[in-house]
Amino acid sequence: MDAPNELNALADEHLTAARTSPHGRSAHLLLRQEPLRQTVIALTSGSSLDEHNAPPAASLQVLRGSVRLTAASGDRELAAGQLYPIPQERHGLLALEDAVVLLTAVND
């Protein structure tokens, strides 16, 4: 299976898992090559990731649905196909509809 199809299959799998999860979310660590990590995160509509600290560098790519990235500097709504750098501050994520994102992070 090629990489784009694999990513689509993971998105489908984790969105299905999120829909049956009591917390409305599911995640899969796709790649770990220190200091780089990529994680597929699926959230059902209305589900969220509570506010947390930002890694040294990170981006969020929306694969399905839409989300709101919340931060003190301002919220940002993102739709499928959009890529956005995560601000260097505490932030959270809210699914505006069933959504799957690819989080790319560089850690110390």
PDB file of N, CA and C in Angstrom:
ATOM      1  N   MET A   1       0.852  -1.177   0.000  1.00  0.00           N
ATOM      2  CA  MET A   1       0.000   0.000   0.000  1.00  0.00           C
ATOM      3  C   MET A   1       0.896   1.237   0.000  1.00  0.00           C
ATOM      4  N   ASP A   2       0.591   2.213  -0.852  1.00  0.00           N
ATOM      5  CA  ASP A   2       1.431   3.409  -0.866  1.00  0.00           C
ATOM      6  C   ASP A   2       1.053   4.352   0.271  1.00  0.00           C
ATOM      7  N   ALA A   3       1.937   5.298   0.567  1.00  0.00           N
ATOM      8  CA  ALA A   3       1.785   6.165   1.742  1.00  0.00           C
ATOM      9  C   ALA A   3       0.463   6.933   1.783  1.00  0.00           C
ATOM     10  N   PRO A   4       0.008   7.602   0.684  1.00  0.00           N
ATOM     11  CA  PRO A   4      -1.267   8.322   0.779  1.00  0.00           C
ATOM     12  C   PRO A   4      -2.437   7.398   1.105  1.00  0.00           C
ATOM     13  N   ASN A   5      -2.444   6.192   0.484  1.00  0.00           N
ATOM     14  CA  ASN A   5      -3.533   5.257   0.785  1.00  0.00           C
ATOM     15  C   ASN A   5      -3.455   4.767   2.215  1.00  0.00           C
ATOM     16  N   GLU A   6      -2.222   4.556   2.705  1.00  0.00           N
ATOM     17  CA  GLU A   6      -2.038   4.123   4.083  1.00  0.00           C
ATOM     18  C   GLU A   6      -2.554   5.193   5.047  1.00  0.00           C
ATOM     19  N   LEU A   7      -2.273   6.450   4.767  1.00  0.00           N
ATOM     20  CA  LEU A   7      -2.733   7.544   5.610  1.00  0.00           C
ATOM     21  C   LEU A   7      -4.261   7.635   5.588  1.00  0.00           C
ATOM     22  N   ASN A   8      -4.858   7.464   4.411  1.00  0.00           N
ATOM     23  CA  ASN A   8      -6.324   7.471   4.312  1.00  0.00           C
ATOM     24  C   ASN A   8      -6.930   6.304   5.082  1.00  0.00           C
ATOM     25  N   ALA A   9      -6.301   5.127   4.992  1.00  0.00           N
ATOM     26  CA  ALA A   9      -6.797   3.962   5.728  1.00  0.00           C
ATOM     27  C   ALA A   9      -6.700   4.196   7.228  1.00  0.00           C
ATOM     28  N   LEU A  10      -5.589   4.795   7.692  1.00  0.00           N
ATOM     29  CA  LEU A  10      -5.439   5.118   9.117  1.00  0.00           C
ATOM     30  C   LEU A  10      -6.484   6.138   9.555  1.00  0.00           C
ATOM     31  N   ALA A  11      -6.750   7.119   8.716  1.00  0.00           N
ATOM     32  CA  ALA A  11      -7.771   8.123   9.038  1.00  0.00           C
ATOM     33  C   ALA A  11      -9.128   7.450   9.210  1.00  0.00           C
ATOM     34  N   ASP A  12      -9.478   6.570   8.293  1.00  0.00           N
ATOM     35  CA  ASP A  12     -10.756   5.841   8.384  1.00  0.00           C
ATOM     36  C   ASP A  12     -10.807   4.997   9.660  1.00  0.00           C
ATOM     37  N   GLU A  13      -9.736   4.256   9.904  1.00  0.00           N
ATOM     38  CA  GLU A  13      -9.680   3.361  11.060  1.00  0.00           C
ATOM     39  C   GLU A  13      -9.830   4.125  12.371  1.00  0.00           C
ATOM     40  N   HIS A  14      -9.131   5.240  12.497  1.00  0.00           N
ATOM     41  CA  HIS A  14      -9.169   5.959  13.771  1.00  0.00           C
ATOM     42  C   HIS A  14     -10.413   6.813  13.934  1.00  0.00           C
ATOM     43  N   LEU A  15     -11.020   7.231  12.845  1.00  0.00           N
ATOM     44  CA  LEU A  15     -12.302   7.926  12.970  1.00  0.00           C
ATOM     45  C   LEU A  15     -13.373   6.935  13.435  1.00  0.00           C
ATOM     46  N   THR A  16     -13.330   5.718  12.923  1.00  0.00           N
ATOM     47  CA  THR A  16     -14.251   4.670  13.378  1.00  0.00           C
ATOM     48  C   THR A  16     -14.023   4.390  14.861  1.00  0.00           C
ATOM     49  N   ALA A  17     -12.761   4.287  15.264  1.00  0.00           N
ATOM     50  CA  ALA A  17     -12.445   4.036  16.680  1.00  0.00           C
ATOM     51  C   ALA A  17     -12.894   5.196  17.559  1.00  0.00           C
ATOM     52  N   ALA A  18     -12.710   6.427  17.090  1.00  0.00           N
ATOM     53  CA  ALA A  18     -13.129   7.600  17.869  1.00  0.00           C
ATOM     54  C   ALA A  18     -14.635   7.596  18.089  1.00  0.00           C
ATOM     55  N   ARG A  19     -15.375   7.156  17.077  1.00  0.00           N
ATOM     56  CA  ARG A  19     -16.840   7.136  17.183  1.00  0.00           C
ATOM     57  C   ARG A  19     -17.329   6.138  18.230  1.00  0.00           C
ATOM     58  N   THR A  20     -16.522   5.147  18.560  1.00  0.00           N
ATOM     59  CA  THR A  20     -16.917   4.174  19.591  1.00  0.00           C
ATOM     60  C   THR A  20     -16.235   4.438  20.928  1.00  0.00           C
ATOM     61  N   SER A  21     -15.333   5.399  20.984  1.00  0.00           N
ATOM     62  CA  SER A  21     -14.618   5.726  22.212  1.00  0.00           C
ATOM     63  C   SER A  21     -15.470   6.613  23.108  1.00  0.00           C
ATOM     64  N   PRO A  22     -15.452   6.388  24.420  1.00  0.00           N
ATOM     65  CA  PRO A  22     -16.216   7.260  25.319  1.00  0.00           C
ATOM     66  C   PRO A  22     -15.703   8.709  25.315  1.00  0.00           C
ATOM     67  N   HIS A  23     -14.458   8.916  24.924  1.00  0.00           N
ATOM     68  CA  HIS A  23     -13.891  10.265  24.879  1.00  0.00           C
ATOM     69  C   HIS A  23     -13.993  10.891  23.490  1.00  0.00           C
ATOM     70  N   GLY A  24     -14.457  10.119  22.500  1.00  0.00           N
ATOM     71  CA  GLY A  24     -14.630  10.654  21.154  1.00  0.00           C
ATOM     72  C   GLY A  24     -13.333  10.929  20.421  1.00  0.00           C
ATOM     73  N   ARG A  25     -12.280  10.172  20.769  1.00  0.00           N
ATOM     74  CA  ARG A  25     -11.011  10.398  20.068  1.00  0.00           C
ATOM     75  C   ARG A  25     -10.206   9.109  19.973  1.00  0.00           C
ATOM     76  N   SER A  26      -9.296   9.106  19.008  1.00  0.00           N
ATOM     77  CA  SER A  26      -8.390   7.984  18.809  1.00  0.00           C
ATOM     78  C   SER A  26      -7.128   8.531  18.162  1.00  0.00           C
ATOM     79  N   ALA A  27      -5.974   7.957  18.499  1.00  0.00           N
ATOM     80  CA  ALA A  27      -4.716   8.459  17.950  1.00  0.00           C
ATOM     81  C   ALA A  27      -3.785   7.295  17.630  1.00  0.00           C
ATOM     82  N   HIS A  28      -2.881   7.558  16.687  1.00  0.00           N
ATOM     83  CA  HIS A  28      -1.899   6.558  16.278  1.00  0.00           C
ATOM     84  C   HIS A  28      -0.582   7.257  15.966  1.00  0.00           C
ATOM     85  N   LEU A  29       0.492   6.835  16.632  1.00  0.00           N
ATOM     86  CA  LEU A  29       1.816   7.365  16.342  1.00  0.00           C
ATOM     87  C   LEU A  29       2.265   6.750  15.025  1.00  0.00           C
ATOM     88  N   LEU A  30       2.323   7.573  13.996  1.00  0.00           N
ATOM     89  CA  LEU A  30       2.625   7.125  12.640  1.00  0.00           C
ATOM     90  C   LEU A  30       4.125   7.007  12.403  1.00  0.00           C
ATOM     91  N   LEU A  31       4.873   7.983  12.900  1.00  0.00           N
ATOM     92  CA  LEU A  31       6.314   8.030  12.653  1.00  0.00           C
ATOM     93  C   LEU A  31       7.017   8.573  13.884  1.00  0.00           C
ATOM     94  N   ARG A  32       8.086   7.895  14.265  1.00  0.00           N
ATOM     95  CA  ARG A  32       8.918   8.401  15.368  1.00  0.00           C
ATOM     96  C   ARG A  32      10.369   8.266  14.936  1.00  0.00           C
ATOM     97  N   GLN A  33      10.947   9.375  14.573  1.00  0.00           N
ATOM     98  CA  GLN A  33      12.354   9.473  14.214  1.00  0.00           C
ATOM     99  C   GLN A  33      12.876  10.674  14.976  1.00  0.00           C
ATOM    100  N   GLU A  34      13.303  10.432  16.205  1.00  0.00           N
ATOM    101  CA  GLU A  34      13.672  11.547  17.084  1.00  0.00           C
ATOM    102  C   GLU A  34      14.567  12.542  16.361  1.00  0.00           C
ATOM    103  N   PRO A  35      14.248  13.815  16.458  1.00  0.00           N
ATOM    104  CA  PRO A  35      13.254  14.443  17.330  1.00  0.00           C
ATOM    105  C   PRO A  35      11.869  14.594  16.681  1.00  0.00           C
ATOM    106  N   LEU A  36      11.647  13.998  15.506  1.00  0.00           N
ATOM    107  CA  LEU A  36      10.396  14.153  14.760  1.00  0.00           C
ATOM    108  C   LEU A  36       9.381  13.079  15.150  1.00  0.00           C
ATOM    109  N   ARG A  37       8.128  13.517  15.308  1.00  0.00           N
ATOM    110  CA  ARG A  37       7.007  12.593  15.531  1.00  0.00           C
ATOM    111  C   ARG A  37       5.835  13.027  14.680  1.00  0.00           C
ATOM    112  N   GLN A  38       5.137  12.060  14.100  1.00  0.00           N
ATOM    113  CA  GLN A  38       3.901  12.346  13.378  1.00  0.00           C
ATOM    114  C   GLN A  38       2.820  11.446  13.944  1.00  0.00           C
ATOM    115  N   THR A  39       1.690  12.057  14.266  1.00  0.00           N
ATOM    116  CA  THR A  39       0.592  11.333  14.889  1.00  0.00           C
ATOM    117  C   THR A  39      -0.708  11.651  14.160  1.00  0.00           C
ATOM    118  N   VAL A  40      -1.474  10.606  13.855  1.00  0.00           N
ATOM    119  CA  VAL A  40      -2.821  10.773  13.312  1.00  0.00           C
ATOM    120  C   VAL A  40      -3.765  10.820  14.508  1.00  0.00           C
ATOM    121  N   ILE A  41      -4.595  11.865  14.557  1.00  0.00           N
ATOM    122  CA  ILE A  41      -5.551  12.038  15.661  1.00  0.00           C
ATOM    123  C   ILE A  41      -6.937  12.201  15.061  1.00  0.00           C
ATOM    124  N   ALA A  42      -7.871  11.380  15.520  1.00  0.00           N
ATOM    125  CA  ALA A  42      -9.264  11.478  15.073  1.00  0.00           C
ATOM    126  C   ALA A  42     -10.120  11.947  16.248  1.00  0.00           C
ATOM    127  N   LEU A  43     -11.021  12.873  15.964  1.00  0.00           N
ATOM    128  CA  LEU A  43     -11.929  13.425  16.985  1.00  0.00           C
ATOM    129  C   LEU A  43     -13.338  13.462  16.421  1.00  0.00           C
ATOM    130  N   THR A  44     -14.313  13.063  17.226  1.00  0.00           N
ATOM    131  CA  THR A  44     -15.698  13.202  16.800  1.00  0.00           C
ATOM    132  C   THR A  44     -16.165  14.637  17.048  1.00  0.00           C
ATOM    133  N   SER A  45     -17.191  15.039  16.360  1.00  0.00           N
ATOM    134  CA  SER A  45     -17.725  16.397  16.480  1.00  0.00           C
ATOM    135  C   SER A  45     -17.966  16.753  17.944  1.00  0.00           C
ATOM    136  N   GLY A  46     -17.418  17.883  18.377  1.00  0.00           N
ATOM    137  CA  GLY A  46     -17.588  18.343  19.751  1.00  0.00           C
ATOM    138  C   GLY A  46     -16.536  17.826  20.711  1.00  0.00           C
ATOM    139  N   SER A  47     -15.748  16.838  20.296  1.00  0.00           N
ATOM    140  CA  SER A  47     -14.681  16.306  21.151  1.00  0.00           C
ATOM    141  C   SER A  47     -13.485  17.248  21.095  1.00  0.00           C
ATOM    142  N   SER A  48     -12.646  17.171  22.128  1.00  0.00           N
ATOM    143  CA  SER A  48     -11.517  18.100  22.161  1.00  0.00           C
ATOM    144  C   SER A  48     -10.290  17.473  22.799  1.00  0.00           C
ATOM    145  N   LEU A  49      -9.179  18.120  22.555  1.00  0.00           N
ATOM    146  CA  LEU A  49      -7.951  17.864  23.290  1.00  0.00           C
ATOM    147  C   LEU A  49      -7.776  19.082  24.182  1.00  0.00           C
ATOM    148  N   ASP A  50      -7.720  18.861  25.478  1.00  0.00           N
ATOM    149  CA  ASP A  50      -7.611  19.972  26.417  1.00  0.00           C
ATOM    150  C   ASP A  50      -6.335  20.760  26.173  1.00  0.00           C
ATOM    151  N   GLU A  51      -6.331  21.971  26.695  1.00  0.00           N
ATOM    152  CA  GLU A  51      -5.178  22.850  26.544  1.00  0.00           C
ATOM    153  C   GLU A  51      -3.916  22.159  27.054  1.00  0.00           C
ATOM    154  N   HIS A  52      -2.838  22.298  26.283  1.00  0.00           N
ATOM    155  CA  HIS A  52      -1.562  21.680  26.632  1.00  0.00           C
ATOM    156  C   HIS A  52      -0.417  22.518  26.061  1.00  0.00           C
ATOM    157  N   ASN A  53       0.789  22.251  26.515  1.00  0.00           N
ATOM    158  CA  ASN A  53       1.965  22.998  26.050  1.00  0.00           C
ATOM    159  C   ASN A  53       2.333  22.608  24.627  1.00  0.00           C
ATOM    160  N   ALA A  54       2.899  23.543  23.906  1.00  0.00           N
ATOM    161  CA  ALA A  54       3.344  23.298  22.536  1.00  0.00           C
ATOM    162  C   ALA A  54       4.754  22.730  22.541  1.00  0.00           C
ATOM    163  N   PRO A  55       5.036  21.802  21.609  1.00  0.00           N
ATOM    164  CA  PRO A  55       6.422  21.369  21.449  1.00  0.00           C
ATOM    165  C   PRO A  55       7.238  22.498  20.817  1.00  0.00           C
ATOM    166  N   PRO A  56       8.555  22.358  20.734  1.00  0.00           N
ATOM    167  CA  PRO A  56       9.389  23.423  20.151  1.00  0.00           C
ATOM    168  C   PRO A  56       8.972  23.829  18.735  1.00  0.00           C
ATOM    169  N   ALA A  57       8.520  22.874  17.943  1.00  0.00           N
ATOM    170  CA  ALA A  57       8.032  23.180  16.597  1.00  0.00           C
ATOM    171  C   ALA A  57       6.977  22.142  16.235  1.00  0.00           C
ATOM    172  N   ALA A  58       5.875  22.595  15.624  1.00  0.00           N
ATOM    173  CA  ALA A  58       4.807  21.657  15.266  1.00  0.00           C
ATOM    174  C   ALA A  58       3.887  22.269  14.221  1.00  0.00           C
ATOM    175  N   SER A  59       3.229  21.375  13.475  1.00  0.00           N
ATOM    176  CA  SER A  59       2.212  21.806  12.525  1.00  0.00           C
ATOM    177  C   SER A  59       1.044  20.836  12.599  1.00  0.00           C
ATOM    178  N   LEU A  60      -0.094  21.324  12.156  1.00  0.00           N
ATOM    179  CA  LEU A  60      -1.320  20.533  12.149  1.00  0.00           C
ATOM    180  C   LEU A  60      -1.881  20.559  10.735  1.00  0.00           C
ATOM    181  N   GLN A  61      -2.079  19.385  10.154  1.00  0.00           N
ATOM    182  CA  GLN A  61      -2.695  19.281   8.831  1.00  0.00           C
ATOM    183  C   GLN A  61      -4.024  18.576   9.002  1.00  0.00           C
ATOM    184  N   VAL A  62      -5.090  19.197   8.521  1.00  0.00           N
ATOM    185  CA  VAL A  62      -6.414  18.608   8.630  1.00  0.00           C
ATOM    186  C   VAL A  62      -6.637  17.682   7.435  1.00  0.00           C
ATOM    187  N   LEU A  63      -6.857  16.411   7.736  1.00  0.00           N
ATOM    188  CA  LEU A  63      -7.079  15.416   6.692  1.00  0.00           C
ATOM    189  C   LEU A  63      -8.558  15.256   6.369  1.00  0.00           C
ATOM    190  N   ARG A  64      -9.411  15.378   7.398  1.00  0.00           N
ATOM    191  CA  ARG A  64     -10.865  15.242   7.235  1.00  0.00           C
ATOM    192  C   ARG A  64     -11.557  16.224   8.166  1.00  0.00           C
ATOM    193  N   GLY A  65     -12.725  16.695   7.769  1.00  0.00           N
ATOM    194  CA  GLY A  65     -13.540  17.511   8.651  1.00  0.00           C
ATOM    195  C   GLY A  65     -12.959  18.885   8.914  1.00  0.00           C
ATOM    196  N   SER A  66     -13.305  19.436  10.082  1.00  0.00           N
ATOM    197  CA  SER A  66     -12.806  20.756  10.464  1.00  0.00           C
ATOM    198  C   SER A  66     -12.605  20.816  11.971  1.00  0.00           C
ATOM    199  N   VAL A  67     -11.653  21.659  12.375  1.00  0.00           N
ATOM    200  CA  VAL A  67     -11.281  21.793  13.782  1.00  0.00           C
ATOM    201  C   VAL A  67     -11.073  23.265  14.111  1.00  0.00           C
ATOM    202  N   ARG A  68     -11.054  23.557  15.413  1.00  0.00           N
ATOM    203  CA  ARG A  68     -10.679  24.884  15.895  1.00  0.00           C
ATOM    204  C   ARG A  68      -9.473  24.708  16.803  1.00  0.00           C
ATOM    205  N   LEU A  69      -8.371  25.327  16.429  1.00  0.00           N
ATOM    206  CA  LEU A  69      -7.175  25.367  17.260  1.00  0.00           C
ATOM    207  C   LEU A  69      -7.345  26.575  18.178  1.00  0.00           C
ATOM    208  N   THR A  70      -7.369  26.345  19.484  1.00  0.00           N
ATOM    209  CA  THR A  70      -7.590  27.435  20.431  1.00  0.00           C
ATOM    210  C   THR A  70      -6.273  27.808  21.096  1.00  0.00           C
ATOM    211  N   ALA A  71      -6.042  29.102  21.235  1.00  0.00           N
ATOM    212  CA  ALA A  71      -4.818  29.606  21.864  1.00  0.00           C
ATOM    213  C   ALA A  71      -5.089  31.024  22.364  1.00  0.00           C
ATOM    214  N   ALA A  72      -4.290  31.477  23.324  1.00  0.00           N
ATOM    215  CA  ALA A  72      -4.452  32.824  23.875  1.00  0.00           C
ATOM    216  C   ALA A  72      -4.304  33.898  22.798  1.00  0.00           C
ATOM    217  N   SER A  73      -3.463  33.631  21.812  1.00  0.00           N
ATOM    218  CA  SER A  73      -3.245  34.618  20.745  1.00  0.00           C
ATOM    219  C   SER A  73      -4.388  34.665  19.738  1.00  0.00           C
ATOM    220  N   GLY A  74      -5.347  33.750  19.874  1.00  0.00           N
ATOM    221  CA  GLY A  74      -6.506  33.742  18.984  1.00  0.00           C
ATOM    222  C   GLY A  74      -6.787  32.351  18.461  1.00  0.00           C
ATOM    223  N   ASP A  75      -8.053  32.081  18.227  1.00  0.00           N
ATOM    224  CA  ASP A  75      -8.470  30.791  17.706  1.00  0.00           C
ATOM    225  C   ASP A  75      -8.351  30.792  16.187  1.00  0.00           C
ATOM    226  N   ARG A  76      -8.176  29.600  15.634  1.00  0.00           N
ATOM    227  CA  ARG A  76      -8.060  29.462  14.185  1.00  0.00           C
ATOM    228  C   ARG A  76      -8.882  28.252  13.747  1.00  0.00           C
ATOM    229  N   GLU A  77      -9.844  28.456  12.851  1.00  0.00           N
ATOM    230  CA  GLU A  77     -10.620  27.349  12.312  1.00  0.00           C
ATOM    231  C   GLU A  77      -9.930  26.837  11.059  1.00  0.00           C
ATOM    232  N   LEU A  78      -9.792  25.510  10.998  1.00  0.00           N
ATOM    233  CA  LEU A  78      -9.089  24.863   9.899  1.00  0.00           C
ATOM    234  C   LEU A  78      -9.972  23.780   9.297  1.00  0.00           C
ATOM    235  N   ALA A  79      -9.958  23.683   7.975  1.00  0.00           N
ATOM    236  CA  ALA A  79     -10.757  22.691   7.264  1.00  0.00           C
ATOM    237  C   ALA A  79      -9.846  21.705   6.545  1.00  0.00           C
ATOM    238  N   ALA A  80     -10.434  20.621   6.068  1.00  0.00           N
ATOM    239  CA  ALA A  80      -9.691  19.580   5.359  1.00  0.00           C
ATOM    240  C   ALA A  80      -8.801  20.201   4.288  1.00  0.00           C
ATOM    241  N   GLY A  81      -7.545  19.757   4.279  1.00  0.00           N
ATOM    242  CA  GLY A  81      -6.581  20.238   3.302  1.00  0.00           C
ATOM    243  C   GLY A  81      -5.703  21.362   3.816  1.00  0.00           C
ATOM    244  N   GLN A  82      -6.074  21.977   4.927  1.00  0.00           N
ATOM    245  CA  GLN A  82      -5.274  23.087   5.445  1.00  0.00           C
ATOM    246  C   GLN A  82      -4.157  22.589   6.352  1.00  0.00           C
ATOM    247  N   LEU A  83      -3.043  23.302   6.288  1.00  0.00           N
ATOM    248  CA  LEU A  83      -1.858  23.044   7.103  1.00  0.00           C
ATOM    249  C   LEU A  83      -1.565  24.326   7.865  1.00  0.00           C
ATOM    250  N   TYR A  84      -1.311  24.204   9.176  1.00  0.00           N
ATOM    251  CA  TYR A  84      -1.132  25.395   9.993  1.00  0.00           C
ATOM    252  C   TYR A  84      -0.057  25.155  11.048  1.00  0.00           C
ATOM    253  N   PRO A  85       0.849  26.127  11.242  1.00  0.00           N
ATOM    254  CA  PRO A  85       1.852  25.975  12.303  1.00  0.00           C
ATOM    255  C   PRO A  85       1.199  26.163  13.673  1.00  0.00           C
ATOM    256  N   ILE A  86       1.525  25.312  14.606  1.00  0.00           N
ATOM    257  CA  ILE A  86       0.974  25.420  15.955  1.00  0.00           C
ATOM    258  C   ILE A  86       1.734  26.514  16.694  1.00  0.00           C
ATOM    259  N   PRO A  87       1.016  27.458  17.310  1.00  0.00           N
ATOM    260  CA  PRO A  87       1.692  28.559  18.006  1.00  0.00           C
ATOM    261  C   PRO A  87       2.504  28.059  19.198  1.00  0.00           C
ATOM    262  N   GLN A  88       3.549  28.798  19.514  1.00  0.00           N
ATOM    263  CA  GLN A  88       4.433  28.451  20.627  1.00  0.00           C
ATOM    264  C   GLN A  88       3.826  28.911  21.947  1.00  0.00           C
ATOM    265  N   GLU A  89       2.667  28.363  22.268  1.00  0.00           N
ATOM    266  CA  GLU A  89       1.960  28.685  23.510  1.00  0.00           C
ATOM    267  C   GLU A  89       0.989  27.546  23.807  1.00  0.00           C
ATOM    268  N   ARG A  90       0.450  27.578  25.013  1.00  0.00           N
ATOM    269  CA  ARG A  90      -0.555  26.560  25.352  1.00  0.00           C
ATOM    270  C   ARG A  90      -1.704  26.670  24.365  1.00  0.00           C
ATOM    271  N   HIS A  91      -2.229  25.514  23.984  1.00  0.00           N
ATOM    272  CA  HIS A  91      -3.293  25.487  22.980  1.00  0.00           C
ATOM    273  C   HIS A  91      -4.144  24.234  23.175  1.00  0.00           C
ATOM    274  N   GLY A  92      -5.294  24.235  22.539  1.00  0.00           N
ATOM    275  CA  GLY A  92      -6.192  23.090  22.562  1.00  0.00           C
ATOM    276  C   GLY A  92      -6.743  22.868  21.172  1.00  0.00           C
ATOM    277  N   LEU A  93      -7.518  21.806  21.018  1.00  0.00           N
ATOM    278  CA  LEU A  93      -8.090  21.475  19.717  1.00  0.00           C
ATOM    279  C   LEU A  93      -9.518  20.992  19.915  1.00  0.00           C
ATOM    280  N   LEU A  94     -10.450  21.540  19.143  1.00  0.00           N
ATOM    281  CA  LEU A  94     -11.856  21.175  19.203  1.00  0.00           C
ATOM    282  C   LEU A  94     -12.307  20.751  17.816  1.00  0.00           C
ATOM    283  N   ALA A  95     -12.975  19.603  17.724  1.00  0.00           N
ATOM    284  CA  ALA A  95     -13.518  19.148  16.446  1.00  0.00           C
ATOM    285  C   ALA A  95     -14.858  19.840  16.204  1.00  0.00           C
ATOM    286  N   LEU A  96     -14.952  20.589  15.122  1.00  0.00           N
ATOM    287  CA  LEU A  96     -16.200  21.258  14.758  1.00  0.00           C
ATOM    288  C   LEU A  96     -17.146  20.284  14.057  1.00  0.00           C
ATOM    289  N   GLU A  97     -16.588  19.237  13.508  1.00  0.00           N
ATOM    290  CA  GLU A  97     -17.311  18.107  12.941  1.00  0.00           C
ATOM    291  C   GLU A  97     -16.346  16.928  13.059  1.00  0.00           C
ATOM    292  N   ASP A  98     -16.799  15.712  12.774  1.00  0.00           N
ATOM    293  CA  ASP A  98     -15.875  14.589  12.828  1.00  0.00           C
ATOM    294  C   ASP A  98     -14.642  14.957  12.019  1.00  0.00           C
ATOM    295  N   ALA A  99     -13.462  14.758  12.608  1.00  0.00           N
ATOM    296  CA  ALA A  99     -12.240  15.243  11.971  1.00  0.00           C
ATOM    297  C   ALA A  99     -11.074  14.307  12.229  1.00  0.00           C
ATOM    298  N   VAL A 100     -10.117  14.345  11.292  1.00  0.00           N
ATOM    299  CA  VAL A 100      -8.844  13.641  11.453  1.00  0.00           C
ATOM    300  C   VAL A 100      -7.745  14.619  11.089  1.00  0.00           C
ATOM    301  N   VAL A 101      -6.732  14.697  11.950  1.00  0.00           N
ATOM    302  CA  VAL A 101      -5.600  15.604  11.708  1.00  0.00           C
ATOM    303  C   VAL A 101      -4.299  14.826  11.764  1.00  0.00           C
ATOM    304  N   LEU A 102      -3.296  15.384  11.127  1.00  0.00           N
ATOM    305  CA  LEU A 102      -1.932  14.857  11.204  1.00  0.00           C
ATOM    306  C   LEU A 102      -1.110  15.892  11.958  1.00  0.00           C
ATOM    307  N   LEU A 103      -0.649  15.506  13.144  1.00  0.00           N
ATOM    308  CA  LEU A 103       0.199  16.368  13.963  1.00  0.00           C
ATOM    309  C   LEU A 103       1.647  16.005  13.688  1.00  0.00           C
ATOM    310  N   THR A 104       2.427  16.977  13.267  1.00  0.00           N
ATOM    311  CA  THR A 104       3.864  16.800  13.078  1.00  0.00           C
ATOM    312  C   THR A 104       4.554  17.646  14.139  1.00  0.00           C
ATOM    313  N   ALA A 105       5.397  17.018  14.949  1.00  0.00           N
ATOM    314  CA  ALA A 105       6.034  17.737  16.057  1.00  0.00           C
ATOM    315  C   ALA A 105       7.508  17.394  16.133  1.00  0.00           C
ATOM    316  N   VAL A 106       8.289  18.406  16.494  1.00  0.00           N
ATOM    317  CA  VAL A 106       9.704  18.234  16.780  1.00  0.00           C
ATOM    318  C   VAL A 106       9.875  18.495  18.264  1.00  0.00           C
ATOM    319  N   ASN A 107      10.414  17.521  18.976  1.00  0.00           N
ATOM    320  CA  ASN A 107      10.601  17.646  20.417  1.00  0.00           C
ATOM    321  C   ASN A 107      12.077  17.742  20.759  1.00  0.00           C
ATOM    322  N   ASP A 108      12.332  18.320  21.921  1.00  0.00           N
ATOM    323  CA  ASP A 108      13.728  18.415  22.398  1.00  0.00           C
ATOM    324  C   ASP A 108      14.272  17.050  22.708  1.00  0.00           C
TER     325      ASP A 108
END
